[in-house]
Amino acid sequence: MKIVIVTGLSGAGKTHAADWFEDHGFYCVDNMPPSLIMNFVELASLSKSKIEKAAFVVDIRGGSFFKDLSDCIVKLRNMEDVDFKILFIEASDATLIKRYNETRRNHPLTTGATTAAIIQRERESLAELRANADYIIDTTHVKVAGLNQELQRIFDNGESESNFIINIASFGYKYGIPAEADLVFDMRFIPNPYYVPSLKKLTGNNKRVAHYVMKQKVTGVFVAQLHDMINGMIPYYIKEGKYHLNIAFGCTGGQHRSVATANKMAEIFKEDGYRVTVEHRQL
């Protein structure tokens, strides 16, 4: 029997994940007390219409029942006839706060506004569970279709190590550094197309601007060295259970150099076989 526990931060996308599992033949139960999961497994094995796949959404909504999850996980890990996995879904604080503000729903830990402090409390409560997760998906830059594609690759094809996601963003320093970035690179060492009259009003998405940025010798050296460095780091991220990397490229206004570089790196990493998302914050 294949069993998946879907857990993670409130607002990160667990409901969408449950929808995917249900669409793919999993018997899904949302917010089931962990102590009852073992009863379900036993009943399912005795049932005439034997259930072969089940997914349980378990999170802090369970209150005091949530504490029973550790014992449940140990038992499921030790069952020889059960293929058991834990899927942990998360997102950045800013993204979660934005989602709660848009939906006007309350976070399970508060009846008031969702704040970074509330989310941090939840992160701390889930830290041990996250450490034991088989798969971690960050939905900060991932839409529902992207989440479905990731689940498809992991649970339908078993290609977990080929599912590493590189989220690339461009930004302008005068508007602040993206809080969710793992790695930030300052592109202000490259000659600025802003001071070329014919390029000033264009952006890094324009072929002429991209050519101007990429023809600079220093840009070529940077791109090659960064490519080698990131490729060398990714296997160790995966080893530590991290399946995504957020890279941000900045320039003064976030219009030219950062955009062109972000697009170039996205192109290179896609050719390497990674899943890549691109966001130009200032465009």
C-alpha atoms as a PDB file:
ATOM      1  CA  MET A   1       0.000   0.000   0.000  1.00  0.00           C
ATOM      2  CA  LYS A   2       1.265   3.469  -0.868  1.00  0.00           C
ATOM      3  CA  ILE A   3       0.705   6.120   1.818  1.00  0.00           C
ATOM      4  CA  VAL A   4       1.606   9.796   1.671  1.00  0.00           C
ATOM      5  CA  ILE A   5       1.293  12.234   4.548  1.00  0.00           C
ATOM      6  CA  VAL A   6       0.850  15.743   3.158  1.00  0.00           C
ATOM      7  CA  THR A   7       1.869  18.381   5.655  1.00  0.00           C
ATOM      8  CA  GLY A   8       3.543  21.766   5.879  1.00  0.00           C
ATOM      9  CA  LEU A   9       2.756  25.415   6.437  1.00  0.00           C
ATOM     10  CA  SER A  10      -0.792  26.701   6.414  1.00  0.00           C
ATOM     11  CA  GLY A  11      -1.498  28.480   3.144  1.00  0.00           C
ATOM     12  CA  ALA A  12       1.393  26.849   1.287  1.00  0.00           C
ATOM     13  CA  GLY A  13      -0.770  24.664  -0.950  1.00  0.00           C
ATOM     14  CA  LYS A  14      -1.656  21.445   0.876  1.00  0.00           C
ATOM     15  CA  THR A  15      -5.269  21.598  -0.332  1.00  0.00           C
ATOM     16  CA  HIS A  16      -4.153  21.829  -3.958  1.00  0.00           C
ATOM     17  CA  ALA A  17      -1.808  18.891  -3.356  1.00  0.00           C
ATOM     18  CA  ALA A  18      -4.674  16.849  -1.901  1.00  0.00           C
ATOM     19  CA  ASP A  19      -6.732  17.606  -4.996  1.00  0.00           C
ATOM     20  CA  TRP A  20      -3.911  16.246  -7.153  1.00  0.00           C
ATOM     21  CA  PHE A  21      -3.637  13.039  -5.127  1.00  0.00           C
ATOM     22  CA  GLU A  22      -7.386  12.515  -5.306  1.00  0.00           C
ATOM     23  CA  ASP A  23      -7.351  13.039  -9.070  1.00  0.00           C
ATOM     24  CA  HIS A  24      -4.643  10.362  -9.317  1.00  0.00           C
ATOM     25  CA  GLY A  25      -6.520   7.627  -7.537  1.00  0.00           C
ATOM     26  CA  PHE A  26      -5.464   8.213  -3.942  1.00  0.00           C
ATOM     27  CA  TYR A  27      -8.034   7.859  -1.182  1.00  0.00           C
ATOM     28  CA  CYS A  28      -7.683  11.287   0.473  1.00  0.00           C
ATOM     29  CA  VAL A  29      -8.559  12.353   4.000  1.00  0.00           C
ATOM     30  CA  ASP A  30      -8.056  15.924   5.217  1.00  0.00           C
ATOM     31  CA  ASN A  31      -7.230  16.727   8.842  1.00  0.00           C
ATOM     32  CA  MET A  32      -7.519  13.161  10.134  1.00  0.00           C
ATOM     33  CA  PRO A  33      -6.171  12.695  13.688  1.00  0.00           C
ATOM     34  CA  PRO A  34      -2.833  10.864  13.301  1.00  0.00           C
ATOM     35  CA  SER A  35      -3.867   8.205  15.840  1.00  0.00           C
ATOM     36  CA  LEU A  36      -6.629   7.122  13.447  1.00  0.00           C
ATOM     37  CA  ILE A  37      -4.344   6.688  10.452  1.00  0.00           C
ATOM     38  CA  MET A  38      -3.144   3.289  11.660  1.00  0.00           C
ATOM     39  CA  ASN A  39      -6.775   2.210  12.136  1.00  0.00           C
ATOM     40  CA  PHE A  40      -7.485   3.272   8.572  1.00  0.00           C
ATOM     41  CA  VAL A  41      -4.522   1.295   7.236  1.00  0.00           C
ATOM     42  CA  GLU A  42      -5.704  -1.812   9.066  1.00  0.00           C
ATOM     43  CA  LEU A  43      -9.279  -1.452   7.822  1.00  0.00           C
ATOM     44  CA  ALA A  44      -8.093  -0.754   4.268  1.00  0.00           C
ATOM     45  CA  SER A  45      -6.039  -3.955   4.204  1.00  0.00           C
ATOM     46  CA  LEU A  46      -9.075  -5.995   5.286  1.00  0.00           C
ATOM     47  CA  SER A  47     -11.522  -4.331   2.929  1.00  0.00           C
ATOM     48  CA  LYS A  48     -12.779  -6.288  -0.093  1.00  0.00           C
ATOM     49  CA  SER A  49     -12.304  -3.220  -2.281  1.00  0.00           C
ATOM     50  CA  LYS A  50      -8.682  -2.942  -1.222  1.00  0.00           C
ATOM     51  CA  ILE A  51      -7.296   0.612  -1.153  1.00  0.00           C
ATOM     52  CA  GLU A  52      -3.841   0.685  -2.730  1.00  0.00           C
ATOM     53  CA  LYS A  53      -3.061   4.397  -2.381  1.00  0.00           C
ATOM     54  CA  ALA A  54      -3.962   6.869   0.362  1.00  0.00           C
ATOM     55  CA  ALA A  55      -2.982  10.448   1.179  1.00  0.00           C
ATOM     56  CA  PHE A  56      -3.576  12.130   4.536  1.00  0.00           C
ATOM     57  CA  VAL A  57      -3.378  15.898   5.041  1.00  0.00           C
ATOM     58  CA  VAL A  58      -2.079  16.422   8.569  1.00  0.00           C
ATOM     59  CA  ASP A  59      -1.077  19.766  10.054  1.00  0.00           C
ATOM     60  CA  ILE A  60      -1.401  22.015  13.105  1.00  0.00           C
ATOM     61  CA  ARG A  61      -5.169  22.258  12.658  1.00  0.00           C
ATOM     62  CA  GLY A  62      -5.257  18.943  14.506  1.00  0.00           C
ATOM     63  CA  GLY A  63      -4.377  20.733  17.744  1.00  0.00           C
ATOM     64  CA  SER A  64      -3.504  18.270  20.521  1.00  0.00           C
ATOM     65  CA  PHE A  65      -4.029  15.348  18.129  1.00  0.00           C
ATOM     66  CA  PHE A  66      -1.091  16.594  16.051  1.00  0.00           C
ATOM     67  CA  LYS A  67       1.310  15.438  18.781  1.00  0.00           C
ATOM     68  CA  ASP A  68       0.471  11.817  17.936  1.00  0.00           C
ATOM     69  CA  LEU A  69       1.971  12.132  14.469  1.00  0.00           C
ATOM     70  CA  SER A  70       5.523  11.153  15.488  1.00  0.00           C
ATOM     71  CA  ASP A  71       4.437   7.732  16.754  1.00  0.00           C
ATOM     72  CA  CYS A  72       2.317   7.211  13.646  1.00  0.00           C
ATOM     73  CA  ILE A  73       5.285   7.981  11.381  1.00  0.00           C
ATOM     74  CA  VAL A  74       7.523   5.505  13.191  1.00  0.00           C
ATOM     75  CA  LYS A  75       4.936   2.747  12.802  1.00  0.00           C
ATOM     76  CA  LEU A  76       4.384   3.481   9.117  1.00  0.00           C
ATOM     77  CA  ARG A  77       8.138   3.545   8.449  1.00  0.00           C
ATOM     78  CA  ASN A  78       8.451   0.071   9.994  1.00  0.00           C
ATOM     79  CA  MET A  79       5.636  -1.561   8.017  1.00  0.00           C
ATOM     80  CA  GLU A  80       7.107  -3.797   5.306  1.00  0.00           C
ATOM     81  CA  ASP A  81       4.026  -3.754   3.084  1.00  0.00           C
ATOM     82  CA  VAL A  82       3.658   0.043   3.150  1.00  0.00           C
ATOM     83  CA  ASP A  83       5.449   2.446   0.817  1.00  0.00           C
ATOM     84  CA  PHE A  84       5.369   5.506   3.047  1.00  0.00           C
ATOM     85  CA  LYS A  85       6.430   9.061   2.189  1.00  0.00           C
ATOM     86  CA  ILE A  86       6.114  12.484   3.804  1.00  0.00           C
ATOM     87  CA  LEU A  87       5.505  15.507   1.580  1.00  0.00           C
ATOM     88  CA  PHE A  88       6.196  18.886   3.201  1.00  0.00           C
ATOM     89  CA  ILE A  89       4.886  22.012   1.474  1.00  0.00           C
ATOM     90  CA  GLU A  90       6.134  25.474   2.396  1.00  0.00           C
ATOM     91  CA  ALA A  91       6.438  29.045   1.122  1.00  0.00           C
ATOM     92  CA  SER A  92       8.081  32.301   2.169  1.00  0.00           C
ATOM     93  CA  ASP A  93       6.599  34.397   4.979  1.00  0.00           C
ATOM     94  CA  ALA A  94       5.743  37.236   2.606  1.00  0.00           C
ATOM     95  CA  THR A  95       3.946  34.884   0.228  1.00  0.00           C
ATOM     96  CA  LEU A  96       1.910  33.251   3.001  1.00  0.00           C
ATOM     97  CA  ILE A  97       0.908  36.614   4.471  1.00  0.00           C
ATOM     98  CA  LYS A  98      -0.131  37.828   1.026  1.00  0.00           C
ATOM     99  CA  ARG A  99      -2.237  34.713   0.426  1.00  0.00           C
ATOM    100  CA  TYR A 100      -4.039  35.072   3.744  1.00  0.00           C
ATOM    101  CA  ASN A 101      -4.693  38.748   3.076  1.00  0.00           C
ATOM    102  CA  GLU A 102      -6.122  37.935  -0.352  1.00  0.00           C
ATOM    103  CA  THR A 103      -8.407  35.140   0.876  1.00  0.00           C
ATOM    104  CA  ARG A 104      -9.281  36.942   4.152  1.00  0.00           C
ATOM    105  CA  ARG A 105      -9.084  33.675   6.042  1.00  0.00           C
ATOM    106  CA  ASN A 106      -7.615  33.272   9.508  1.00  0.00           C
ATOM    107  CA  HIS A 107      -4.426  31.371  10.150  1.00  0.00           C
ATOM    108  CA  PRO A 108      -5.059  28.308  12.373  1.00  0.00           C
ATOM    109  CA  LEU A 109      -2.882  29.784  15.111  1.00  0.00           C
ATOM    110  CA  THR A 110      -4.694  33.107  15.376  1.00  0.00           C
ATOM    111  CA  THR A 111      -8.070  34.756  15.064  1.00  0.00           C
ATOM    112  CA  GLY A 112      -6.424  38.019  14.052  1.00  0.00           C
ATOM    113  CA  ALA A 113      -4.097  39.091  11.269  1.00  0.00           C
ATOM    114  CA  THR A 114      -1.529  36.635   9.949  1.00  0.00           C
ATOM    115  CA  THR A 115       1.940  37.940  10.798  1.00  0.00           C
ATOM    116  CA  ALA A 116       5.527  36.790  10.356  1.00  0.00           C
ATOM    117  CA  ALA A 117       5.610  35.947  14.084  1.00  0.00           C
ATOM    118  CA  ILE A 118       2.621  33.598  13.713  1.00  0.00           C
ATOM    119  CA  ILE A 119       4.207  31.877  10.729  1.00  0.00           C
ATOM    120  CA  GLN A 120       7.488  31.528  12.636  1.00  0.00           C
ATOM    121  CA  ARG A 121       5.613  29.790  15.477  1.00  0.00           C
ATOM    122  CA  GLU A 122       4.205  27.343  12.965  1.00  0.00           C
ATOM    123  CA  ARG A 123       7.639  26.772  11.394  1.00  0.00           C
ATOM    124  CA  GLU A 124       9.064  25.931  14.804  1.00  0.00           C
ATOM    125  CA  SER A 125       6.204  23.501  15.523  1.00  0.00           C
ATOM    126  CA  LEU A 126       6.822  21.748  12.208  1.00  0.00           C
ATOM    127  CA  ALA A 127      10.640  21.813  12.246  1.00  0.00           C
ATOM    128  CA  GLU A 128      11.066  18.167  13.278  1.00  0.00           C
ATOM    129  CA  LEU A 129       8.470  16.994  10.775  1.00  0.00           C
ATOM    130  CA  ARG A 130      10.157  18.974   8.002  1.00  0.00           C
ATOM    131  CA  ALA A 131      13.496  17.395   8.885  1.00  0.00           C
ATOM    132  CA  ASN A 132      11.952  13.930   8.417  1.00  0.00           C
ATOM    133  CA  ALA A 133      10.196  14.764   5.141  1.00  0.00           C
ATOM    134  CA  ASP A 134      11.033  12.766   2.032  1.00  0.00           C
ATOM    135  CA  TYR A 135      10.108  15.638  -0.273  1.00  0.00           C
ATOM    136  CA  ILE A 136       9.960  19.383   0.312  1.00  0.00           C
ATOM    137  CA  ILE A 137       8.216  21.670  -2.164  1.00  0.00           C
ATOM    138  CA  ASP A 138       8.441  25.456  -1.928  1.00  0.00           C
ATOM    139  CA  THR A 139       5.439  27.080  -3.612  1.00  0.00           C
ATOM    140  CA  THR A 140       6.626  30.685  -3.284  1.00  0.00           C
ATOM    141  CA  HIS A 141       7.045  31.056  -7.044  1.00  0.00           C
ATOM    142  CA  VAL A 142       4.979  28.049  -8.108  1.00  0.00           C
ATOM    143  CA  LYS A 143       1.434  28.296  -9.408  1.00  0.00           C
ATOM    144  CA  VAL A 144      -1.063  25.420  -9.091  1.00  0.00           C
ATOM    145  CA  ALA A 145      -0.079  24.030 -12.489  1.00  0.00           C
ATOM    146  CA  GLY A 146       3.574  24.016 -11.457  1.00  0.00           C
ATOM    147  CA  LEU A 147       2.751  22.265  -8.185  1.00  0.00           C
ATOM    148  CA  ASN A 148       0.791  19.619 -10.076  1.00  0.00           C
ATOM    149  CA  GLN A 149       3.715  19.065 -12.413  1.00  0.00           C
ATOM    150  CA  GLU A 150       6.080  18.651  -9.474  1.00  0.00           C
ATOM    151  CA  LEU A 151       3.777  16.115  -7.809  1.00  0.00           C
ATOM    152  CA  GLN A 152       3.473  14.282 -11.115  1.00  0.00           C
ATOM    153  CA  ARG A 153       7.227  13.922 -11.385  1.00  0.00           C
ATOM    154  CA  ILE A 154       7.728  12.817  -7.811  1.00  0.00           C
ATOM    155  CA  PHE A 155       4.833  10.455  -7.231  1.00  0.00           C
ATOM    156  CA  ASP A 156       4.061   9.180 -10.712  1.00  0.00           C
ATOM    157  CA  ASN A 157       7.547   8.790 -12.134  1.00  0.00           C
ATOM    158  CA  GLY A 158       9.701   8.519  -9.014  1.00  0.00           C
ATOM    159  CA  GLU A 159      12.214  11.052 -10.342  1.00  0.00           C
ATOM    160  CA  SER A 160      12.744  12.917  -7.081  1.00  0.00           C
ATOM    161  CA  GLU A 161      16.325  13.966  -7.713  1.00  0.00           C
ATOM    162  CA  SER A 162      15.515  15.395 -11.150  1.00  0.00           C
ATOM    163  CA  ASN A 163      12.860  17.642  -9.605  1.00  0.00           C
ATOM    164  CA  PHE A 164      15.197  20.285  -8.226  1.00  0.00           C
ATOM    165  CA  ILE A 165      13.638  23.685  -8.889  1.00  0.00           C
ATOM    166  CA  ILE A 166      15.653  26.836  -9.474  1.00  0.00           C
ATOM    167  CA  ASN A 167      13.583  29.974  -8.903  1.00  0.00           C
ATOM    168  CA  ILE A 168      15.254  32.942 -10.576  1.00  0.00           C
ATOM    169  CA  ALA A 169      14.282  36.560  -9.991  1.00  0.00           C
ATOM    170  CA  SER A 170      15.513  39.958 -11.101  1.00  0.00           C
ATOM    171  CA  PHE A 171      15.068  43.074  -8.976  1.00  0.00           C
ATOM    172  CA  GLY A 172      16.141  46.677  -8.491  1.00  0.00           C
ATOM    173  CA  TYR A 173      18.294  47.503  -5.476  1.00  0.00           C
ATOM    174  CA  LYS A 174      16.541  50.810  -4.965  1.00  0.00           C
ATOM    175  CA  TYR A 175      13.339  48.855  -4.260  1.00  0.00           C
ATOM    176  CA  GLY A 176      14.917  46.426  -1.791  1.00  0.00           C
ATOM    177  CA  ILE A 177      16.354  42.912  -1.877  1.00  0.00           C
ATOM    178  CA  PRO A 178      13.849  40.007  -2.206  1.00  0.00           C
ATOM    179  CA  ALA A 179      13.401  38.520   1.265  1.00  0.00           C
ATOM    180  CA  GLU A 180      12.964  34.967  -0.039  1.00  0.00           C
ATOM    181  CA  ALA A 181      16.277  34.875  -1.967  1.00  0.00           C
ATOM    182  CA  ASP A 182      18.834  32.232  -0.954  1.00  0.00           C
ATOM    183  CA  LEU A 183      21.561  33.722  -3.145  1.00  0.00           C
ATOM    184  CA  VAL A 184      21.762  37.355  -4.286  1.00  0.00           C
ATOM    185  CA  PHE A 185      24.084  38.583  -7.039  1.00  0.00           C
ATOM    186  CA  ASP A 186      24.808  42.240  -7.733  1.00  0.00           C
ATOM    187  CA  MET A 187      24.983  42.894 -11.501  1.00  0.00           C
ATOM    188  CA  ARG A 188      25.962  46.549 -11.169  1.00  0.00           C
ATOM    189  CA  PHE A 189      29.552  45.714 -12.177  1.00  0.00           C
ATOM    190  CA  ILE A 190      28.356  45.336 -15.799  1.00  0.00           C
ATOM    191  CA  PRO A 191      28.241  48.438 -18.066  1.00  0.00           C
ATOM    192  CA  ASN A 192      24.743  49.888 -17.836  1.00  0.00           C
ATOM    193  CA  PRO A 193      22.535  49.875 -20.985  1.00  0.00           C
ATOM    194  CA  TYR A 194      20.561  52.689 -19.342  1.00  0.00           C
ATOM    195  CA  TYR A 195      23.242  55.103 -20.524  1.00  0.00           C
ATOM    196  CA  VAL A 196      22.963  53.965 -24.145  1.00  0.00           C
ATOM    197  CA  PRO A 197      20.250  56.245 -25.624  1.00  0.00           C
ATOM    198  CA  SER A 198      18.820  53.595 -27.963  1.00  0.00           C
ATOM    199  CA  LEU A 199      18.536  51.060 -25.109  1.00  0.00           C
ATOM    200  CA  LYS A 200      17.487  53.287 -22.211  1.00  0.00           C
ATOM    201  CA  LYS A 201      13.724  52.804 -22.576  1.00  0.00           C
ATOM    202  CA  LEU A 202      13.952  49.072 -23.310  1.00  0.00           C
ATOM    203  CA  THR A 203      14.342  46.215 -20.810  1.00  0.00           C
ATOM    204  CA  GLY A 204      16.507  43.137 -20.490  1.00  0.00           C
ATOM    205  CA  ASN A 205      13.767  41.153 -22.227  1.00  0.00           C
ATOM    206  CA  ASN A 206      14.645  42.977 -25.433  1.00  0.00           C
ATOM    207  CA  LYS A 207      17.170  41.143 -27.668  1.00  0.00           C
ATOM    208  CA  ARG A 208      19.241  44.284 -28.198  1.00  0.00           C
ATOM    209  CA  VAL A 209      19.615  44.914 -24.475  1.00  0.00           C
ATOM    210  CA  ALA A 210      20.354  41.223 -23.810  1.00  0.00           C
ATOM    211  CA  HIS A 211      23.020  41.245 -26.524  1.00  0.00           C
ATOM    212  CA  TYR A 212      24.608  44.386 -25.074  1.00  0.00           C
ATOM    213  CA  VAL A 213      24.776  42.857 -21.587  1.00  0.00           C
ATOM    214  CA  MET A 214      25.980  39.440 -22.709  1.00  0.00           C
ATOM    215  CA  LYS A 215      28.654  40.718 -25.111  1.00  0.00           C
ATOM    216  CA  GLN A 216      30.570  42.219 -22.187  1.00  0.00           C
ATOM    217  CA  LYS A 217      33.564  40.022 -21.388  1.00  0.00           C
ATOM    218  CA  VAL A 218      32.995  40.328 -17.655  1.00  0.00           C
ATOM    219  CA  THR A 219      29.424  39.049 -18.069  1.00  0.00           C
ATOM    220  CA  GLY A 220      30.610  35.930 -19.861  1.00  0.00           C
ATOM    221  CA  VAL A 221      33.117  35.175 -17.121  1.00  0.00           C
ATOM    222  CA  PHE A 222      30.491  35.698 -14.427  1.00  0.00           C
ATOM    223  CA  VAL A 223      27.880  33.492 -16.135  1.00  0.00           C
ATOM    224  CA  ALA A 224      30.343  30.626 -16.652  1.00  0.00           C
ATOM    225  CA  GLN A 225      31.656  30.732 -13.087  1.00  0.00           C
ATOM    226  CA  LEU A 226      28.195  31.016 -11.551  1.00  0.00           C
ATOM    227  CA  HIS A 227      26.957  28.075 -13.640  1.00  0.00           C
ATOM    228  CA  ASP A 228      29.806  25.895 -12.381  1.00  0.00           C
ATOM    229  CA  MET A 229      29.285  26.988  -8.767  1.00  0.00           C
ATOM    230  CA  ILE A 230      25.536  26.340  -8.706  1.00  0.00           C
ATOM    231  CA  ASN A 231      25.876  22.954 -10.386  1.00  0.00           C
ATOM    232  CA  GLY A 232      28.448  22.024  -7.765  1.00  0.00           C
ATOM    233  CA  MET A 233      26.154  23.075  -4.899  1.00  0.00           C
ATOM    234  CA  ILE A 234      22.899  21.444  -6.017  1.00  0.00           C
ATOM    235  CA  PRO A 235      23.819  17.811  -5.134  1.00  0.00           C
ATOM    236  CA  TYR A 236      24.536  18.949  -1.574  1.00  0.00           C
ATOM    237  CA  TYR A 237      21.256  20.859  -1.328  1.00  0.00           C
ATOM    238  CA  ILE A 238      19.462  17.675  -2.382  1.00  0.00           C
ATOM    239  CA  LYS A 239      21.447  15.664   0.163  1.00  0.00           C
ATOM    240  CA  GLU A 240      20.186  18.042   2.863  1.00  0.00           C
ATOM    241  CA  GLY A 241      16.580  17.590   1.705  1.00  0.00           C
ATOM    242  CA  LYS A 242      16.277  20.920  -0.106  1.00  0.00           C
ATOM    243  CA  TYR A 243      14.704  20.644  -3.556  1.00  0.00           C
ATOM    244  CA  HIS A 244      14.645  24.286  -4.562  1.00  0.00           C
ATOM    245  CA  LEU A 245      16.997  27.240  -4.761  1.00  0.00           C
ATOM    246  CA  ASN A 246      15.969  30.905  -4.968  1.00  0.00           C
ATOM    247  CA  ILE A 247      18.500  33.037  -6.888  1.00  0.00           C
ATOM    248  CA  ALA A 248      18.070  36.792  -7.284  1.00  0.00           C
ATOM    249  CA  PHE A 249      19.960  39.090  -9.659  1.00  0.00           C
ATOM    250  CA  GLY A 250      19.899  42.787  -8.898  1.00  0.00           C
ATOM    251  CA  CYS A 251      20.833  46.005 -10.640  1.00  0.00           C
ATOM    252  CA  THR A 252      19.978  49.622  -9.903  1.00  0.00           C
ATOM    253  CA  GLY A 253      16.413  49.737 -11.251  1.00  0.00           C
ATOM    254  CA  GLY A 254      15.791  46.090 -12.085  1.00  0.00           C
ATOM    255  CA  GLN A 255      15.189  46.877 -15.759  1.00  0.00           C
ATOM    256  CA  HIS A 256      18.249  45.951 -17.822  1.00  0.00           C
ATOM    257  CA  ARG A 257      21.282  44.061 -16.469  1.00  0.00           C
ATOM    258  CA  SER A 258      19.518  41.967 -13.844  1.00  0.00           C
ATOM    259  CA  VAL A 259      16.737  40.976 -16.264  1.00  0.00           C
ATOM    260  CA  ALA A 260      19.116  39.963 -19.054  1.00  0.00           C
ATOM    261  CA  THR A 261      21.310  37.961 -16.670  1.00  0.00           C
ATOM    262  CA  ALA A 262      18.341  36.254 -15.024  1.00  0.00           C
ATOM    263  CA  ASN A 263      17.012  35.208 -18.441  1.00  0.00           C
ATOM    264  CA  LYS A 264      20.419  33.883 -19.510  1.00  0.00           C
ATOM    265  CA  MET A 265      20.897  31.820 -16.361  1.00  0.00           C
ATOM    266  CA  ALA A 266      17.350  30.465 -16.650  1.00  0.00           C
ATOM    267  CA  GLU A 267      18.100  29.360 -20.204  1.00  0.00           C
ATOM    268  CA  ILE A 268      21.312  27.621 -19.126  1.00  0.00           C
ATOM    269  CA  PHE A 269      19.750  25.797 -16.175  1.00  0.00           C
ATOM    270  CA  LYS A 270      16.821  24.650 -18.318  1.00  0.00           C
ATOM    271  CA  GLU A 271      19.327  23.143 -20.744  1.00  0.00           C
ATOM    272  CA  ASP A 272      20.850  21.321 -17.750  1.00  0.00           C
ATOM    273  CA  GLY A 273      17.470  19.666 -17.153  1.00  0.00           C
ATOM    274  CA  TYR A 274      16.378  21.591 -14.059  1.00  0.00           C
ATOM    275  CA  ARG A 275      12.905  22.987 -13.577  1.00  0.00           C
ATOM    276  CA  VAL A 276      13.202  26.768 -13.668  1.00  0.00           C
ATOM    277  CA  THR A 277      10.855  29.635 -12.861  1.00  0.00           C
ATOM    278  CA  VAL A 278      11.610  33.262 -13.745  1.00  0.00           C
ATOM    279  CA  GLU A 279      10.150  36.408 -12.216  1.00  0.00           C
ATOM    280  CA  HIS A 280      11.133  39.984 -13.069  1.00  0.00           C
ATOM    281  CA  ARG A 281       9.958  41.878 -10.024  1.00  0.00           C
ATOM    282  CA  GLN A 282      10.312  45.393 -11.411  1.00  0.00           C
ATOM    283  CA  LEU A 283       8.819  44.748 -14.858  1.00  0.00           C
END
